[in-house]
Amino acid sequence: MGAAPGPAGAGSLQKDSKVAVAKAQAVRAARRQVTMKGLYFQQSSTNEEITFVFQERENLPATEDNYVKLQVKACALSQINTKLLAEMKMEKDFFPVGREIAGIVLDVGSKVSFFQPDDEVVGILPLDSEDPGLCEVVRVHEHYLVHKPEKVTWTEAAGTIRDGVRAYTALHYLSHLSPGKSVLIMDGASALGTIAIQLAHHRGAKVIATACSLEDKQYLERLRPSIARVIDLSNGKAHVAESCLEETGGLGVDIVLDAGVRLYNKGDEPDVKLQLLPHKHDIITLLGVGGHWVTTEEKLQGATVAFLNDEVWNLSNVQQGKYLCILKDVMEKLSTGVFRPQLDEPIPLYEAKVSMEVVQKNQGRKKQVVQF
């Protein structure tokens, strides 16, 4: 039989044990500090050109107070309003990209009251978020999130939330949609146009929509409930004002949601793309007495014209409760089939940079969603 280990052997074992513990702690620390890639954008010195870049970022710090740590399962891509960021003095070297997210709660701060780990949630990151939604893990204040219905997929949730909020803002808060009203939705086959049409139909309105191509026209004609009239603008022959007045018996429409308008005559319009859009005087002509015009053109605000500001809810703490009600209602309508979004095939994170370049140039039609 071998002799029992002496004091020197015991010390060696103790030393080995300490080394093993230290190694295990180092591994755990390394796991906590594992780096993740997130997508950011940089602006050129002239503020004209945007470059999208992946940046390594350290794991997030401990979740505190009202913040929730989220494992992102899907993030939708939307154009970045660089002009608004500049006006709000929110420019920085690298700005986080991706705000419409859906995911699983990993951890919650001590003051969080609405969520717990493993909850499935969806929301829109605020404009001043330090975390990009196009990253595996993000931190977000609980007031920007709602529960995702079980029947709704990750991509549907992320891909619908922003356009749902925009449609609600335009048709409920800026123009008071109600049954029997007539609504003109410009570019009805776009991601926003599709949701706005479905919301207007759900509220019992009569819907007229414009199409920018034959493909869009065919898509709109297939929608159920049926659209009262689809006006095809792609060949340059249709007149929006004439068509709307004809459809409403000369009374004009009650609500217009535009997708951009021409401020100048065709010959004076510098952008060729804008030449396909209706002139502001066409919209004024087709608008009925007491009608509401909701515009995406911020230079046009006035008595009957309201600007569709995407950030109106994020900029006002007073309306936070109302905003959460909208988020919940958008998800409820998605789960019951009222909203049927125009989504492209989901893409992986490594394709997000190229896809964002397309989205930023406004070249995509369907909503693009990154799936993790």
Protein backbone atom coordinates (compact mmCIF):
# COMPACT_ATOMS: atom_id res chain seq x y z
CA MET A 1 0.00 0.00 0.00
CA GLY A 2 1.27 3.48 -0.87
CA ALA A 3 1.84 5.97 1.85
CA ALA A 4 -0.85 8.62 2.47
CA PRO A 5 0.00 11.99 0.96
CA GLY A 6 2.09 14.07 3.31
CA PRO A 7 1.66 17.77 4.05
CA ALA A 8 3.53 18.67 0.82
CA GLY A 9 1.12 16.51 -1.28
CA ALA A 10 -1.92 18.03 0.44
CA GLY A 11 -0.61 21.51 -0.33
CA SER A 12 -0.19 20.53 -3.97
CA LEU A 13 -3.79 19.27 -4.18
CA GLN A 14 -5.03 22.44 -2.50
CA LYS A 15 -3.04 24.52 -4.99
CA ASP A 16 -4.46 22.53 -7.97
CA SER A 17 -7.96 23.03 -6.56
CA LYS A 18 -7.45 26.81 -6.31
CA VAL A 19 -6.15 26.91 -9.89
CA ALA A 20 -9.21 24.97 -11.10
CA VAL A 21 -11.56 27.36 -9.27
CA ALA A 22 -9.73 30.38 -10.69
CA LYS A 23 -9.96 28.90 -14.20
CA ALA A 24 -13.71 28.27 -13.81
CA GLN A 25 -14.22 31.86 -12.61
CA ALA A 26 -12.20 33.15 -15.57
CA VAL A 27 -14.37 31.14 -17.98
CA ARG A 28 -17.56 32.47 -16.37
CA ALA A 29 -16.21 36.03 -16.56
CA ALA A 30 -15.26 35.49 -20.20
CA ARG A 31 -18.78 34.24 -20.93
CA ARG A 32 -20.22 37.32 -19.26
CA GLN A 33 -17.91 39.52 -21.34
CA VAL A 34 -18.40 37.65 -24.63
CA THR A 35 -18.52 40.13 -27.48
CA MET A 36 -21.48 40.44 -29.81
CA LYS A 37 -21.80 42.12 -33.15
CA GLY A 38 -24.27 44.96 -33.60
CA LEU A 39 -25.09 47.06 -36.67
CA TYR A 40 -24.41 50.81 -36.57
CA PHE A 41 -24.30 53.62 -39.10
CA GLN A 42 -21.82 56.40 -39.71
CA GLN A 43 -22.53 59.64 -41.55
CA SER A 44 -20.09 61.41 -43.80
CA SER A 45 -18.94 64.91 -42.84
CA THR A 46 -21.42 66.37 -45.35
CA ASN A 47 -24.26 64.33 -43.71
CA GLU A 48 -25.26 63.05 -47.14
CA GLU A 49 -23.79 59.56 -47.23
CA ILE A 50 -24.51 56.81 -44.74
CA THR A 51 -22.23 53.81 -44.16
CA PHE A 52 -23.46 50.75 -42.26
CA VAL A 53 -20.90 48.87 -40.17
CA PHE A 54 -20.88 45.91 -37.80
CA GLN A 55 -19.18 46.72 -34.49
CA GLU A 56 -18.08 44.35 -31.77
CA ARG A 57 -19.74 45.25 -28.49
CA GLU A 58 -19.17 44.00 -24.97
CA ASN A 59 -21.85 42.06 -23.19
CA LEU A 60 -24.39 44.33 -21.53
CA PRO A 61 -24.00 45.47 -17.91
CA ALA A 62 -26.34 44.29 -15.17
CA THR A 63 -30.02 45.01 -15.78
CA GLU A 64 -31.18 47.78 -13.44
CA ASP A 65 -34.36 49.57 -12.35
CA ASN A 66 -37.06 49.52 -15.07
CA TYR A 67 -34.85 47.97 -17.74
CA VAL A 68 -35.33 44.59 -19.39
CA LYS A 69 -32.58 42.51 -21.01
CA LEU A 70 -33.85 40.90 -24.18
CA GLN A 71 -32.65 38.14 -26.47
CA VAL A 72 -33.62 39.45 -29.90
CA LYS A 73 -35.39 36.91 -32.13
CA ALA A 74 -36.38 39.29 -34.97
CA CYS A 75 -35.73 42.91 -35.94
CA ALA A 76 -37.44 44.78 -38.79
CA LEU A 77 -35.56 47.24 -40.99
CA SER A 78 -36.79 50.79 -41.55
CA GLN A 79 -35.35 53.94 -43.09
CA ILE A 80 -33.33 56.09 -40.69
CA ASN A 81 -34.45 59.71 -40.49
CA THR A 82 -31.00 61.34 -40.37
CA LYS A 83 -32.52 64.80 -40.72
CA LEU A 84 -34.54 64.33 -37.52
CA LEU A 85 -31.48 63.03 -35.67
CA ALA A 86 -29.54 66.12 -36.75
CA GLU A 87 -32.38 68.46 -35.71
CA MET A 88 -32.53 66.80 -32.28
CA LYS A 89 -28.73 67.07 -31.91
CA MET A 90 -28.50 63.28 -31.60
CA GLU A 91 -25.60 62.81 -33.96
CA LYS A 92 -22.71 60.61 -32.83
CA ASP A 93 -19.84 58.71 -34.45
CA PHE A 94 -21.70 55.40 -34.56
CA PHE A 95 -25.49 55.35 -34.33
CA PRO A 96 -27.33 52.07 -33.48
CA VAL A 97 -29.47 50.52 -36.23
CA GLY A 98 -32.71 48.54 -35.90
CA ARG A 99 -35.54 49.50 -33.54
CA GLU A 100 -38.56 47.24 -34.20
CA ILE A 101 -37.77 44.14 -32.19
CA ALA A 102 -39.35 40.95 -30.86
CA GLY A 103 -37.64 38.61 -28.44
CA ILE A 104 -37.43 36.72 -25.15
CA VAL A 105 -36.85 38.39 -21.76
CA LEU A 106 -33.55 37.17 -20.23
CA ASP A 107 -33.41 39.36 -17.15
CA VAL A 108 -35.33 42.21 -15.49
CA GLY A 109 -34.35 45.11 -13.26
CA SER A 110 -35.59 45.39 -9.67
CA LYS A 111 -38.32 47.92 -10.54
CA VAL A 112 -39.77 46.08 -13.57
CA SER A 113 -43.44 45.29 -12.95
CA PHE A 114 -44.85 44.04 -16.29
CA PHE A 115 -42.36 41.34 -17.36
CA GLN A 116 -40.37 38.39 -16.08
CA PRO A 117 -37.70 36.12 -17.61
CA ASP A 118 -38.90 33.92 -20.53
CA ASP A 119 -41.75 36.32 -21.47
CA GLU A 120 -42.12 36.81 -25.23
CA VAL A 121 -42.29 40.52 -26.02
CA VAL A 122 -42.31 43.04 -28.88
CA GLY A 123 -41.69 46.77 -29.07
CA ILE A 124 -39.91 49.73 -30.63
CA LEU A 125 -36.60 50.91 -29.19
CA PRO A 126 -36.62 54.66 -28.45
CA LEU A 127 -34.78 57.07 -30.71
CA ASP A 128 -32.05 57.59 -28.08
CA SER A 129 -31.45 53.86 -27.45
CA GLU A 130 -27.76 53.03 -27.03
CA ASP A 131 -28.32 49.46 -28.21
CA PRO A 132 -28.96 48.46 -31.83
CA GLY A 133 -31.95 46.15 -32.35
CA LEU A 134 -29.74 44.36 -34.88
CA CYS A 135 -27.81 42.59 -32.14
CA GLU A 136 -28.35 39.35 -30.23
CA VAL A 137 -29.06 41.01 -26.86
CA VAL A 138 -30.40 44.49 -26.03
CA ARG A 139 -31.51 46.49 -23.00
CA VAL A 140 -34.78 48.42 -23.17
CA HIS A 141 -37.05 50.25 -20.71
CA GLU A 142 -40.17 48.17 -20.00
CA HIS A 143 -42.45 51.04 -21.12
CA TYR A 144 -41.46 50.41 -24.74
CA LEU A 145 -42.54 46.74 -24.71
CA VAL A 146 -45.73 44.69 -24.73
CA HIS A 147 -46.34 40.94 -24.62
CA LYS A 148 -46.29 39.13 -27.97
CA PRO A 149 -49.37 36.95 -28.56
CA GLU A 150 -48.55 33.23 -28.77
CA LYS A 151 -50.07 32.85 -32.26
CA VAL A 152 -47.93 35.64 -33.74
CA THR A 153 -44.49 34.71 -35.14
CA TRP A 154 -41.34 36.65 -34.29
CA THR A 155 -41.03 38.05 -37.83
CA GLU A 156 -44.71 39.06 -37.98
CA ALA A 157 -44.45 40.86 -34.63
CA ALA A 158 -41.29 42.81 -35.49
CA GLY A 159 -42.43 43.41 -39.08
CA THR A 160 -45.84 44.88 -38.17
CA ILE A 161 -45.34 46.87 -34.97
CA ARG A 162 -44.05 50.15 -36.49
CA ASP A 163 -46.44 50.32 -39.45
CA GLY A 164 -49.28 49.42 -37.09
CA VAL A 165 -48.39 52.36 -34.84
CA ARG A 166 -48.04 54.68 -37.86
CA ALA A 167 -51.45 53.60 -39.26
CA TYR A 168 -53.10 54.13 -35.86
CA THR A 169 -51.46 57.54 -35.46
CA ALA A 170 -52.57 58.63 -38.95
CA LEU A 171 -56.13 57.29 -38.94
CA HIS A 172 -57.17 57.51 -35.29
CA TYR A 173 -55.25 60.36 -33.71
CA LEU A 174 -54.64 62.71 -36.63
CA SER A 175 -57.85 62.17 -38.62
CA HIS A 176 -60.51 60.48 -36.42
CA LEU A 177 -61.48 57.55 -38.64
CA SER A 178 -65.05 56.28 -38.17
CA PRO A 179 -67.50 53.97 -39.99
CA GLY A 180 -68.80 55.27 -43.33
CA LYS A 181 -65.95 57.72 -43.95
CA SER A 182 -64.05 57.61 -47.24
CA VAL A 183 -60.28 57.21 -47.08
CA LEU A 184 -57.64 57.60 -49.79
CA ILE A 185 -54.47 55.58 -49.05
CA MET A 186 -51.64 56.58 -51.35
CA ASP A 187 -49.25 53.76 -52.38
CA GLY A 188 -51.60 51.19 -50.89
CA ALA A 189 -49.33 48.22 -51.63
CA SER A 190 -46.48 49.54 -49.45
CA ALA A 191 -45.91 48.05 -45.99
CA LEU A 192 -47.65 51.05 -44.32
CA GLY A 193 -50.35 51.30 -47.01
CA THR A 194 -51.34 47.64 -46.54
CA ILE A 195 -51.79 47.98 -42.76
CA ALA A 196 -53.61 51.33 -43.14
CA ILE A 197 -56.07 49.79 -45.65
CA GLN A 198 -56.76 46.88 -43.29
CA LEU A 199 -57.29 49.21 -40.31
CA ALA A 200 -59.63 51.47 -42.33
CA HIS A 201 -61.67 48.48 -43.53
CA HIS A 202 -61.85 47.12 -39.97
CA ARG A 203 -63.37 50.43 -38.84
CA GLY A 204 -66.00 50.30 -41.63
CA ALA A 205 -64.53 52.98 -43.91
CA LYS A 206 -64.73 53.08 -47.71
CA VAL A 207 -61.18 52.76 -49.07
CA ILE A 208 -59.66 54.12 -52.28
CA ALA A 209 -55.98 53.33 -52.94
CA THR A 210 -53.32 54.26 -55.47
CA ALA A 211 -50.91 51.77 -57.08
CA CYS A 212 -47.43 52.57 -58.38
CA SER A 213 -47.10 49.52 -60.68
CA LEU A 214 -49.19 46.85 -62.37
CA GLU A 215 -47.99 44.33 -59.77
CA ASP A 216 -49.16 46.64 -56.95
CA LYS A 217 -52.52 47.15 -58.70
CA GLN A 218 -53.07 43.38 -58.94
CA TYR A 219 -52.11 42.91 -55.29
CA LEU A 220 -54.56 45.62 -54.16
CA GLU A 221 -57.38 44.20 -56.29
CA ARG A 222 -56.94 40.82 -54.57
CA LEU A 223 -57.32 42.26 -51.05
CA ARG A 224 -60.43 41.32 -49.07
CA PRO A 225 -62.55 43.20 -48.08
CA SER A 226 -62.43 44.77 -51.53
CA ILE A 227 -61.07 48.26 -52.13
CA ALA A 228 -63.73 50.58 -53.64
CA ARG A 229 -61.31 51.78 -56.34
CA VAL A 230 -57.65 51.17 -57.19
CA ILE A 231 -56.09 54.08 -59.09
CA ASP A 232 -53.11 52.96 -61.19
CA LEU A 233 -50.58 55.81 -61.36
CA SER A 234 -47.85 53.81 -63.11
CA ASN A 235 -48.77 54.77 -66.68
CA GLY A 236 -49.18 58.47 -65.92
CA LYS A 237 -52.72 58.56 -67.36
CA ALA A 238 -54.87 58.30 -64.23
CA HIS A 239 -55.84 61.50 -62.40
CA VAL A 240 -56.14 61.03 -58.65
CA ALA A 241 -58.43 64.02 -58.03
CA GLU A 242 -60.86 63.12 -60.87
CA SER A 243 -61.03 59.45 -59.79
CA CYS A 244 -61.70 60.32 -56.13
CA LEU A 245 -64.38 62.91 -56.94
CA GLU A 246 -66.05 60.43 -59.29
CA GLU A 247 -65.99 57.68 -56.63
CA THR A 248 -67.46 60.01 -53.96
CA GLY A 249 -70.14 61.61 -56.14
CA GLY A 250 -68.26 64.91 -56.24
CA LEU A 251 -68.07 65.24 -52.43
CA GLY A 252 -64.38 64.41 -52.08
CA VAL A 253 -62.75 62.05 -49.58
CA ASP A 254 -62.84 62.51 -45.80
CA ILE A 255 -59.27 61.37 -45.09
CA VAL A 256 -56.08 61.28 -47.18
CA LEU A 257 -52.93 59.44 -46.10
CA ASP A 258 -50.24 60.34 -48.61
CA ALA A 259 -46.91 58.68 -49.40
CA GLY A 260 -45.25 61.91 -50.44
CA VAL A 261 -46.49 64.75 -52.68
CA ARG A 262 -45.03 67.10 -55.27
CA LEU A 263 -44.57 70.63 -54.04
CA TYR A 264 -43.63 71.89 -57.52
CA ASN A 265 -44.94 71.48 -61.06
CA LYS A 266 -43.54 68.51 -63.00
CA GLY A 267 -41.11 70.60 -65.03
CA ASP A 268 -39.72 72.26 -61.90
CA GLU A 269 -39.49 69.07 -59.82
CA PRO A 270 -35.80 68.18 -59.42
CA ASP A 271 -36.36 64.52 -58.43
CA VAL A 272 -37.63 62.29 -61.27
CA LYS A 273 -39.17 59.81 -58.77
CA LEU A 274 -41.31 62.58 -57.26
CA GLN A 275 -42.82 63.36 -60.67
CA LEU A 276 -45.06 60.28 -60.32
CA LEU A 277 -46.55 61.67 -57.09
CA PRO A 278 -49.69 63.81 -57.07
CA HIS A 279 -49.28 67.57 -56.76
CA LYS A 280 -50.34 69.18 -53.46
CA HIS A 281 -53.16 71.00 -55.33
CA ASP A 282 -54.56 67.61 -56.48
CA ILE A 283 -54.90 66.55 -52.83
CA ILE A 284 -56.59 69.83 -51.89
CA THR A 285 -59.03 69.36 -54.81
CA LEU A 286 -60.04 65.82 -53.85
CA LEU A 287 -60.40 66.53 -50.12
CA GLY A 288 -64.00 66.88 -48.94
CA VAL A 289 -65.31 69.68 -46.70
CA GLY A 290 -63.91 69.20 -43.19
CA GLY A 291 -61.56 66.52 -44.52
CA HIS A 292 -58.22 65.56 -42.96
CA TRP A 293 -54.97 65.22 -44.87
CA VAL A 294 -52.23 63.25 -43.10
CA THR A 295 -48.92 63.84 -44.86
CA THR A 296 -45.40 62.41 -44.78
CA GLU A 297 -44.15 65.80 -46.09
CA GLU A 298 -43.25 67.91 -43.04
CA LYS A 299 -43.24 71.21 -44.97
CA LEU A 300 -47.02 70.97 -45.49
CA GLN A 301 -48.48 71.28 -42.00
CA GLY A 302 -51.53 73.51 -41.74
CA ALA A 303 -55.20 73.78 -40.72
CA THR A 304 -56.42 70.60 -42.48
CA VAL A 305 -52.96 69.02 -42.88
CA ALA A 306 -51.29 66.97 -40.13
CA PHE A 307 -47.71 65.68 -40.34
CA LEU A 308 -47.26 61.97 -39.63
CA ASN A 309 -44.38 62.17 -37.15
CA ASP A 310 -43.04 58.66 -36.50
CA GLU A 311 -41.53 59.76 -33.18
CA VAL A 312 -44.57 61.50 -31.71
CA TRP A 313 -45.07 58.78 -29.08
CA ASN A 314 -41.38 58.37 -28.24
CA LEU A 315 -40.98 62.10 -27.67
CA SER A 316 -43.82 62.46 -25.16
CA ASN A 317 -43.82 60.88 -21.70
CA VAL A 318 -47.36 62.12 -21.10
CA GLN A 319 -48.79 59.85 -23.80
CA GLN A 320 -46.91 56.71 -22.76
CA GLY A 321 -50.07 54.92 -21.57
CA LYS A 322 -51.85 55.64 -24.84
CA TYR A 323 -48.80 54.41 -26.77
CA LEU A 324 -48.77 51.07 -24.91
CA CYS A 325 -52.49 50.64 -25.69
CA ILE A 326 -51.70 51.11 -29.40
CA LEU A 327 -48.87 48.55 -29.27
CA LYS A 328 -51.17 46.03 -27.57
CA ASP A 329 -53.98 46.67 -30.05
CA VAL A 330 -51.65 46.26 -33.04
CA MET A 331 -50.56 42.86 -31.69
CA GLU A 332 -54.18 41.85 -30.97
CA LYS A 333 -55.20 42.71 -34.55
CA LEU A 334 -52.22 40.79 -35.88
CA SER A 335 -53.14 37.70 -33.85
CA THR A 336 -56.80 37.80 -34.98
CA GLY A 337 -55.94 38.25 -38.68
CA VAL A 338 -57.17 41.85 -39.08
CA PHE A 339 -53.60 42.83 -39.97
CA ARG A 340 -51.92 40.77 -42.69
CA PRO A 341 -48.57 42.48 -43.28
CA GLN A 342 -46.55 42.63 -46.52
CA LEU A 343 -43.37 40.87 -45.35
CA ASP A 344 -40.36 39.82 -47.39
CA GLU A 345 -38.57 36.51 -46.71
CA PRO A 346 -36.65 36.86 -43.40
CA ILE A 347 -32.87 37.21 -43.66
CA PRO A 348 -29.96 36.34 -41.30
CA LEU A 349 -28.06 39.00 -39.36
CA TYR A 350 -24.99 38.89 -41.63
CA GLU A 351 -27.15 40.13 -44.55
CA ALA A 352 -28.54 43.09 -42.55
CA LYS A 353 -25.85 45.55 -43.70
CA VAL A 354 -26.61 45.11 -47.42
CA SER A 355 -30.38 45.04 -46.78
CA MET A 356 -30.23 48.27 -44.75
CA GLU A 357 -28.48 49.98 -47.67
CA VAL A 358 -31.44 49.01 -49.89
CA VAL A 359 -34.01 50.11 -47.27
CA GLN A 360 -32.24 53.44 -46.69
CA LYS A 361 -32.44 54.20 -50.43
CA ASN A 362 -36.19 53.38 -50.25
CA GLN A 363 -35.79 50.64 -52.86
CA GLY A 364 -37.60 47.83 -51.02
CA ARG A 365 -41.35 47.22 -51.27
CA LYS A 366 -42.15 44.58 -48.67
CA LYS A 367 -41.05 44.88 -45.06
CA GLN A 368 -37.65 43.27 -44.49
CA VAL A 369 -37.07 41.44 -41.20
CA VAL A 370 -33.84 39.97 -39.79
CA GLN A 371 -34.39 36.67 -37.99
CA PHE A 372 -31.94 35.50 -35.32
